[in-house]
Every structure is written in C-alpha cells, then in structure tokens.
C-alpha cells in the first residue's frame, strides 16, 4: 500500500476501498489495470474490486465492456441482450438501496 491508501483501523479496509478509479484506473494505453500496490500488497484486493464493480461507475464500465464486445463481434446479439438485462437489474437493485 502506498501512503495515500492507509488501512482504516475501524473497518480494516484501505481508504481507497471500492473506488473504481483508484483500484482499477485507466492506463495511458486506454486499458484498465490494477495498480501494483493493490495487486501485490492489498489483503482485500478481490473484495475491493468486486465492490467497486457494484458501484454506479462499475456498472457503467460493465456496459462499456459489453458494447466493445458487440462492436468487435465477440458478443452475439442474444448474449448482448442477456448481459445488458443483468446490468440493468444490478442498477435497479443499486437504486433501491
């Protein structure tokens, strides 16, 4: 962990926990990558990234991934529809909380 991401003693989670732009930022190449300090040293990296993907920004990222897959031909229309429906349901659940 670097100095910006200290462990919060109350919850045993770093202050950056679940913040998508910190735990899965966009690189200069336009791809997202887990920073080395998360990947190598964070004891809660999996839970953190999973939580980040349930936030509104994480759901938007999931939609972007679906669209890229569709444009590249890696995802069929039916699979796209199914995934978009799942993302929509996540968004509805998130808004209900």
Foldseek 3Di string as FASTA:
>chain_A
DDPQFDQDVVPRGTPCQLQCCQQFNQDPVRGTDGDPCLVPPGPCSVVRPVSNLLDPVNLVVQLVVLVVCVVVVNADPVRSVVSVVVSVVSVVVVVVD
